[in-house]
Amino acid sequence: LHTHPGGFVSVQDVFAAIYRGLREPLLQQDLATLSSEDLALLRRNSRMRRAHRSVWMHADGRTETEMGGESVVKIDFLAERRRFMGIRPAIPKELPPRKRLGEVFVAEVGPLNE
């Protein structure tokens, strides 16, 4: 995440990082950890996403077609939960190792049709 002089991060920086991060392709080793049911659901979500976009541009500038047209990206985990509901501080059980309260935030998302 880009920091500005003085060490602050803007709201635009946060949203740009989320935008780029959700468009990153999943690696084969990530896919290998999923159950067959989860993998089938993720691939279905990917097909649905691609059916609604003529061109999908990844953060590195490659398009879906240039990647073989079958890539699964991180946003596919969200399925229809793509309506931004806000950002909140993480609660203790959501903290990664070695992180403290106030250092981690959670983006809340909900269904598109609500």
N, C-alpha and C. Protein backbone atom coordinates (compact mmCIF):
# COMPACT_ATOMS: atom_id res chain seq x y z
N LEU A 1 0.84 -1.17 0.00
CA LEU A 1 0.00 0.00 0.00
C LEU A 1 0.89 1.23 0.00
N HIS A 2 0.56 2.17 -0.84
CA HIS A 2 1.34 3.40 -0.97
C HIS A 2 1.13 4.29 0.26
N THR A 3 2.22 4.79 0.83
CA THR A 3 2.09 5.76 1.91
C THR A 3 2.58 7.11 1.42
N HIS A 4 2.00 8.15 1.95
CA HIS A 4 2.34 9.52 1.59
C HIS A 4 3.35 10.07 2.58
N PRO A 5 3.99 11.21 2.26
CA PRO A 5 4.91 11.82 3.22
C PRO A 5 4.21 12.01 4.57
N GLY A 6 4.87 11.64 5.62
CA GLY A 6 4.28 11.70 6.94
C GLY A 6 3.68 10.36 7.37
N GLY A 7 3.68 9.37 6.45
CA GLY A 7 3.25 8.02 6.80
C GLY A 7 1.76 7.77 6.73
N PHE A 8 0.97 8.67 6.14
CA PHE A 8 -0.47 8.42 6.09
C PHE A 8 -0.86 7.72 4.80
N VAL A 9 -2.02 7.09 4.83
CA VAL A 9 -2.59 6.38 3.69
C VAL A 9 -3.96 7.01 3.43
N SER A 10 -4.25 7.33 2.18
CA SER A 10 -5.53 7.95 1.86
C SER A 10 -6.61 6.90 1.63
N VAL A 11 -7.86 7.32 1.69
CA VAL A 11 -8.98 6.44 1.39
C VAL A 11 -8.85 5.92 -0.04
N GLN A 12 -8.41 6.76 -0.96
CA GLN A 12 -8.21 6.34 -2.35
C GLN A 12 -7.17 5.23 -2.42
N ASP A 13 -6.10 5.33 -1.65
CA ASP A 13 -5.07 4.28 -1.61
C ASP A 13 -5.67 2.95 -1.18
N VAL A 14 -6.54 2.98 -0.16
CA VAL A 14 -7.16 1.76 0.36
C VAL A 14 -8.05 1.13 -0.71
N PHE A 15 -8.92 1.94 -1.33
CA PHE A 15 -9.83 1.40 -2.34
C PHE A 15 -9.07 0.91 -3.57
N ALA A 16 -8.02 1.60 -3.96
CA ALA A 16 -7.22 1.15 -5.10
C ALA A 16 -6.56 -0.19 -4.80
N ALA A 17 -6.07 -0.37 -3.58
CA ALA A 17 -5.44 -1.64 -3.19
C ALA A 17 -6.47 -2.78 -3.16
N ILE A 18 -7.67 -2.50 -2.67
CA ILE A 18 -8.73 -3.51 -2.66
C ILE A 18 -9.09 -3.88 -4.10
N TYR A 19 -9.25 -2.88 -4.94
CA TYR A 19 -9.60 -3.10 -6.35
C TYR A 19 -8.56 -3.99 -7.04
N ARG A 20 -7.28 -3.65 -6.86
CA ARG A 20 -6.21 -4.44 -7.48
C ARG A 20 -6.16 -5.85 -6.89
N GLY A 21 -6.27 -5.94 -5.58
CA GLY A 21 -6.16 -7.23 -4.91
C GLY A 21 -7.25 -8.21 -5.31
N LEU A 22 -8.47 -7.72 -5.49
CA LEU A 22 -9.57 -8.60 -5.87
C LEU A 22 -9.46 -9.11 -7.30
N ARG A 23 -8.64 -8.48 -8.09
CA ARG A 23 -8.47 -8.88 -9.49
C ARG A 23 -7.25 -9.77 -9.72
N GLU A 24 -6.54 -10.08 -8.64
CA GLU A 24 -5.37 -10.96 -8.76
C GLU A 24 -5.83 -12.39 -9.01
N PRO A 25 -5.20 -13.07 -9.97
CA PRO A 25 -5.55 -14.47 -10.21
C PRO A 25 -5.13 -15.35 -9.03
N LEU A 26 -5.89 -16.40 -8.80
CA LEU A 26 -5.51 -17.38 -7.79
C LEU A 26 -4.46 -18.31 -8.38
N LEU A 27 -3.50 -18.64 -7.58
CA LEU A 27 -2.43 -19.53 -8.02
C LEU A 27 -2.88 -20.98 -7.90
N GLN A 28 -2.23 -21.84 -8.67
CA GLN A 28 -2.58 -23.26 -8.64
C GLN A 28 -2.46 -23.84 -7.23
N GLN A 29 -1.44 -23.42 -6.47
CA GLN A 29 -1.29 -23.95 -5.11
C GLN A 29 -2.43 -23.48 -4.21
N ASP A 30 -3.02 -22.30 -4.48
CA ASP A 30 -4.20 -21.85 -3.72
C ASP A 30 -5.41 -22.71 -4.07
N LEU A 31 -5.60 -22.97 -5.35
CA LEU A 31 -6.73 -23.77 -5.80
C LEU A 31 -6.63 -25.20 -5.28
N ALA A 32 -5.41 -25.71 -5.14
CA ALA A 32 -5.20 -27.09 -4.68
C ALA A 32 -5.65 -27.29 -3.23
N THR A 33 -5.77 -26.22 -2.46
CA THR A 33 -6.17 -26.35 -1.06
C THR A 33 -7.69 -26.40 -0.89
N LEU A 34 -8.45 -26.16 -1.96
CA LEU A 34 -9.91 -26.11 -1.88
C LEU A 34 -10.52 -27.50 -2.03
N SER A 35 -11.67 -27.69 -1.40
CA SER A 35 -12.41 -28.94 -1.59
C SER A 35 -12.98 -28.94 -3.01
N SER A 36 -13.38 -30.10 -3.50
CA SER A 36 -13.94 -30.17 -4.85
C SER A 36 -15.22 -29.36 -4.95
N GLU A 37 -16.01 -29.30 -3.88
CA GLU A 37 -17.25 -28.51 -3.87
C GLU A 37 -16.94 -27.02 -3.95
N ASP A 38 -15.96 -26.57 -3.15
CA ASP A 38 -15.58 -25.15 -3.16
C ASP A 38 -14.98 -24.76 -4.51
N LEU A 39 -14.18 -25.64 -5.07
CA LEU A 39 -13.57 -25.37 -6.37
C LEU A 39 -14.63 -25.26 -7.46
N ALA A 40 -15.62 -26.15 -7.44
CA ALA A 40 -16.71 -26.09 -8.43
C ALA A 40 -17.50 -24.79 -8.28
N LEU A 41 -17.76 -24.37 -7.04
CA LEU A 41 -18.48 -23.12 -6.80
C LEU A 41 -17.66 -21.92 -7.28
N LEU A 42 -16.38 -21.94 -7.01
CA LEU A 42 -15.50 -20.84 -7.43
C LEU A 42 -15.44 -20.75 -8.96
N ARG A 43 -15.35 -21.89 -9.63
CA ARG A 43 -15.33 -21.88 -11.11
C ARG A 43 -16.67 -21.40 -11.67
N ARG A 44 -17.77 -21.77 -11.02
CA ARG A 44 -19.09 -21.28 -11.45
C ARG A 44 -19.16 -19.76 -11.31
N ASN A 45 -18.68 -19.25 -10.17
CA ASN A 45 -18.65 -17.81 -9.96
C ASN A 45 -17.80 -17.11 -11.01
N SER A 46 -16.68 -17.73 -11.37
CA SER A 46 -15.79 -17.17 -12.39
C SER A 46 -16.50 -17.11 -13.75
N ARG A 47 -17.20 -18.18 -14.11
CA ARG A 47 -17.95 -18.20 -15.38
C ARG A 47 -19.02 -17.11 -15.40
N MET A 48 -19.73 -16.96 -14.28
CA MET A 48 -20.77 -15.93 -14.20
C MET A 48 -20.18 -14.53 -14.34
N ARG A 49 -19.03 -14.30 -13.69
CA ARG A 49 -18.38 -12.99 -13.78
C ARG A 49 -17.96 -12.70 -15.21
N ARG A 50 -17.36 -13.70 -15.86
CA ARG A 50 -16.89 -13.49 -17.24
C ARG A 50 -18.05 -13.30 -18.20
N ALA A 51 -19.18 -13.92 -17.94
CA ALA A 51 -20.35 -13.77 -18.82
C ALA A 51 -20.91 -12.35 -18.78
N HIS A 52 -20.63 -11.63 -17.70
CA HIS A 52 -21.15 -10.26 -17.56
C HIS A 52 -20.13 -9.20 -17.92
N ARG A 53 -18.97 -9.59 -18.36
CA ARG A 53 -17.92 -8.62 -18.77
C ARG A 53 -17.32 -9.10 -20.08
N SER A 54 -17.22 -8.19 -21.03
CA SER A 54 -16.62 -8.58 -22.30
C SER A 54 -15.10 -8.70 -22.17
N VAL A 55 -14.48 -7.84 -21.38
CA VAL A 55 -13.02 -7.90 -21.16
C VAL A 55 -12.77 -7.68 -19.69
N TRP A 56 -11.98 -8.54 -19.09
CA TRP A 56 -11.60 -8.40 -17.68
C TRP A 56 -10.12 -8.11 -17.63
N MET A 57 -9.77 -6.98 -17.07
CA MET A 57 -8.37 -6.57 -17.01
C MET A 57 -7.81 -6.88 -15.63
N HIS A 58 -6.72 -7.65 -15.60
CA HIS A 58 -6.06 -7.96 -14.34
C HIS A 58 -5.13 -6.82 -13.94
N ALA A 59 -4.73 -6.83 -12.68
CA ALA A 59 -3.89 -5.76 -12.15
C ALA A 59 -2.59 -5.61 -12.92
N ASP A 60 -2.08 -6.70 -13.49
CA ASP A 60 -0.82 -6.62 -14.23
C ASP A 60 -1.03 -6.20 -15.68
N GLY A 61 -2.27 -5.87 -16.07
CA GLY A 61 -2.54 -5.38 -17.42
C GLY A 61 -2.95 -6.45 -18.41
N ARG A 62 -2.85 -7.73 -18.02
CA ARG A 62 -3.26 -8.80 -18.93
C ARG A 62 -4.77 -8.94 -18.89
N THR A 63 -5.34 -9.30 -20.02
CA THR A 63 -6.79 -9.53 -20.07
C THR A 63 -7.07 -11.01 -19.86
N GLU A 64 -8.33 -11.32 -19.61
CA GLU A 64 -8.76 -12.71 -19.43
C GLU A 64 -8.36 -13.55 -20.63
N THR A 65 -8.55 -13.02 -21.83
CA THR A 65 -8.23 -13.75 -23.05
C THR A 65 -6.74 -14.08 -23.11
N GLU A 66 -5.90 -13.11 -22.73
CA GLU A 66 -4.45 -13.33 -22.76
C GLU A 66 -4.02 -14.38 -21.74
N MET A 67 -4.86 -14.63 -20.75
CA MET A 67 -4.54 -15.62 -19.73
C MET A 67 -5.23 -16.95 -20.01
N GLY A 68 -5.81 -17.09 -21.19
CA GLY A 68 -6.47 -18.34 -21.54
C GLY A 68 -7.96 -18.33 -21.30
N GLY A 69 -8.49 -17.22 -20.78
CA GLY A 69 -9.92 -17.08 -20.61
C GLY A 69 -10.54 -17.87 -19.48
N GLU A 70 -9.76 -18.58 -18.71
CA GLU A 70 -10.33 -19.44 -17.67
C GLU A 70 -9.85 -19.09 -16.27
N SER A 71 -9.21 -17.94 -16.10
CA SER A 71 -8.64 -17.66 -14.80
C SER A 71 -9.71 -17.41 -13.74
N VAL A 72 -9.38 -17.81 -12.54
CA VAL A 72 -10.20 -17.55 -11.38
C VAL A 72 -9.47 -16.48 -10.59
N VAL A 73 -10.18 -15.41 -10.27
CA VAL A 73 -9.57 -14.31 -9.53
C VAL A 73 -10.19 -14.21 -8.15
N LYS A 74 -9.56 -13.46 -7.28
CA LYS A 74 -9.99 -13.42 -5.88
C LYS A 74 -11.42 -12.91 -5.71
N ILE A 75 -11.88 -12.04 -6.58
CA ILE A 75 -13.26 -11.55 -6.44
C ILE A 75 -14.27 -12.67 -6.64
N ASP A 76 -13.89 -13.75 -7.30
CA ASP A 76 -14.79 -14.88 -7.50
C ASP A 76 -15.21 -15.52 -6.17
N PHE A 77 -14.41 -15.35 -5.11
CA PHE A 77 -14.80 -15.84 -3.79
C PHE A 77 -16.04 -15.12 -3.28
N LEU A 78 -16.25 -13.89 -3.71
CA LEU A 78 -17.37 -13.08 -3.21
C LEU A 78 -18.70 -13.43 -3.85
N ALA A 79 -18.67 -14.05 -5.04
CA ALA A 79 -19.89 -14.39 -5.77
C ALA A 79 -20.78 -13.17 -5.90
N GLU A 80 -21.99 -13.22 -5.39
CA GLU A 80 -22.92 -12.09 -5.49
C GLU A 80 -22.77 -11.09 -4.35
N ARG A 81 -21.84 -11.34 -3.43
CA ARG A 81 -21.63 -10.43 -2.30
C ARG A 81 -20.63 -9.36 -2.70
N ARG A 82 -21.04 -8.46 -3.58
CA ARG A 82 -20.13 -7.44 -4.08
C ARG A 82 -20.62 -6.01 -3.82
N ARG A 83 -21.61 -5.85 -2.96
CA ARG A 83 -22.08 -4.52 -2.60
C ARG A 83 -21.30 -4.05 -1.38
N PHE A 84 -20.59 -2.94 -1.52
CA PHE A 84 -19.76 -2.43 -0.44
C PHE A 84 -20.64 -1.87 0.67
N MET A 85 -20.43 -2.36 1.88
CA MET A 85 -21.24 -1.94 3.03
C MET A 85 -20.45 -1.09 4.02
N GLY A 86 -19.14 -1.04 3.87
CA GLY A 86 -18.33 -0.23 4.78
C GLY A 86 -17.07 -0.94 5.23
N ILE A 87 -16.28 -0.22 6.00
CA ILE A 87 -15.04 -0.76 6.57
C ILE A 87 -15.12 -0.59 8.08
N ARG A 88 -14.68 -1.62 8.81
CA ARG A 88 -14.71 -1.56 10.26
C ARG A 88 -13.41 -2.15 10.82
N PRO A 89 -13.07 -1.80 12.05
CA PRO A 89 -11.91 -2.43 12.68
C PRO A 89 -12.17 -3.92 12.90
N ALA A 90 -11.14 -4.72 12.75
CA ALA A 90 -11.25 -6.16 13.00
C ALA A 90 -11.47 -6.41 14.49
N ILE A 91 -12.19 -7.50 14.78
CA ILE A 91 -12.35 -7.94 16.17
C ILE A 91 -11.23 -8.95 16.47
N PRO A 92 -10.99 -9.25 17.73
CA PRO A 92 -9.85 -10.10 18.08
C PRO A 92 -9.76 -11.41 17.29
N LYS A 93 -10.86 -12.12 17.08
CA LYS A 93 -10.77 -13.41 16.39
C LYS A 93 -10.43 -13.27 14.90
N GLU A 94 -10.51 -12.07 14.35
CA GLU A 94 -10.19 -11.85 12.93
C GLU A 94 -8.75 -11.40 12.71
N LEU A 95 -8.02 -11.18 13.77
CA LEU A 95 -6.66 -10.66 13.65
C LEU A 95 -5.69 -11.73 13.17
N PRO A 96 -4.85 -11.41 12.18
CA PRO A 96 -3.78 -12.33 11.79
C PRO A 96 -2.73 -12.40 12.91
N PRO A 97 -1.88 -13.42 12.88
CA PRO A 97 -0.82 -13.51 13.89
C PRO A 97 0.03 -12.23 13.94
N ARG A 98 0.41 -11.85 15.13
CA ARG A 98 1.28 -10.70 15.38
C ARG A 98 0.66 -9.35 15.02
N LYS A 99 -0.66 -9.28 14.87
CA LYS A 99 -1.34 -8.01 14.63
C LYS A 99 -2.17 -7.66 15.85
N ARG A 100 -2.31 -6.36 16.11
CA ARG A 100 -3.07 -5.89 17.26
C ARG A 100 -4.34 -5.18 16.82
N LEU A 101 -5.26 -5.04 17.75
CA LEU A 101 -6.48 -4.28 17.47
C LEU A 101 -6.10 -2.88 16.99
N GLY A 102 -6.81 -2.41 15.97
CA GLY A 102 -6.53 -1.10 15.41
C GLY A 102 -5.58 -1.13 14.23
N GLU A 103 -4.92 -2.27 14.00
CA GLU A 103 -3.99 -2.40 12.88
C GLU A 103 -4.63 -3.07 11.67
N VAL A 104 -5.77 -3.74 11.86
CA VAL A 104 -6.41 -4.50 10.79
C VAL A 104 -7.86 -4.05 10.66
N PHE A 105 -8.31 -3.88 9.42
CA PHE A 105 -9.68 -3.48 9.15
C PHE A 105 -10.34 -4.49 8.22
N VAL A 106 -11.65 -4.60 8.30
CA VAL A 106 -12.43 -5.56 7.52
C VAL A 106 -13.38 -4.80 6.62
N ALA A 107 -13.39 -5.16 5.34
CA ALA A 107 -14.36 -4.58 4.39
C ALA A 107 -15.61 -5.43 4.46
N GLU A 108 -16.72 -4.82 4.78
CA GLU A 108 -18.01 -5.51 4.84
C GLU A 108 -18.67 -5.45 3.47
N VAL A 109 -19.14 -6.60 2.98
CA VAL A 109 -19.83 -6.66 1.68
C VAL A 109 -21.14 -7.42 1.85
N GLY A 110 -22.08 -7.14 0.95
CA GLY A 110 -23.37 -7.80 0.99
C GLY A 110 -23.84 -8.15 -0.41
N PRO A 111 -24.98 -8.81 -0.50
CA PRO A 111 -25.52 -9.18 -1.82
C PRO A 111 -25.85 -7.96 -2.66
N LEU A 112 -25.73 -8.10 -3.96
CA LEU A 112 -26.03 -7.01 -4.88
C LEU A 112 -27.50 -6.64 -4.86
N ASN A 113 -28.37 -7.59 -4.60
CA ASN A 113 -29.81 -7.37 -4.75
C ASN A 113 -30.49 -6.86 -3.48
N GLU A 114 -29.77 -6.46 -2.45
CA GLU A 114 -30.41 -5.93 -1.24
C GLU A 114 -30.62 -4.45 -1.36
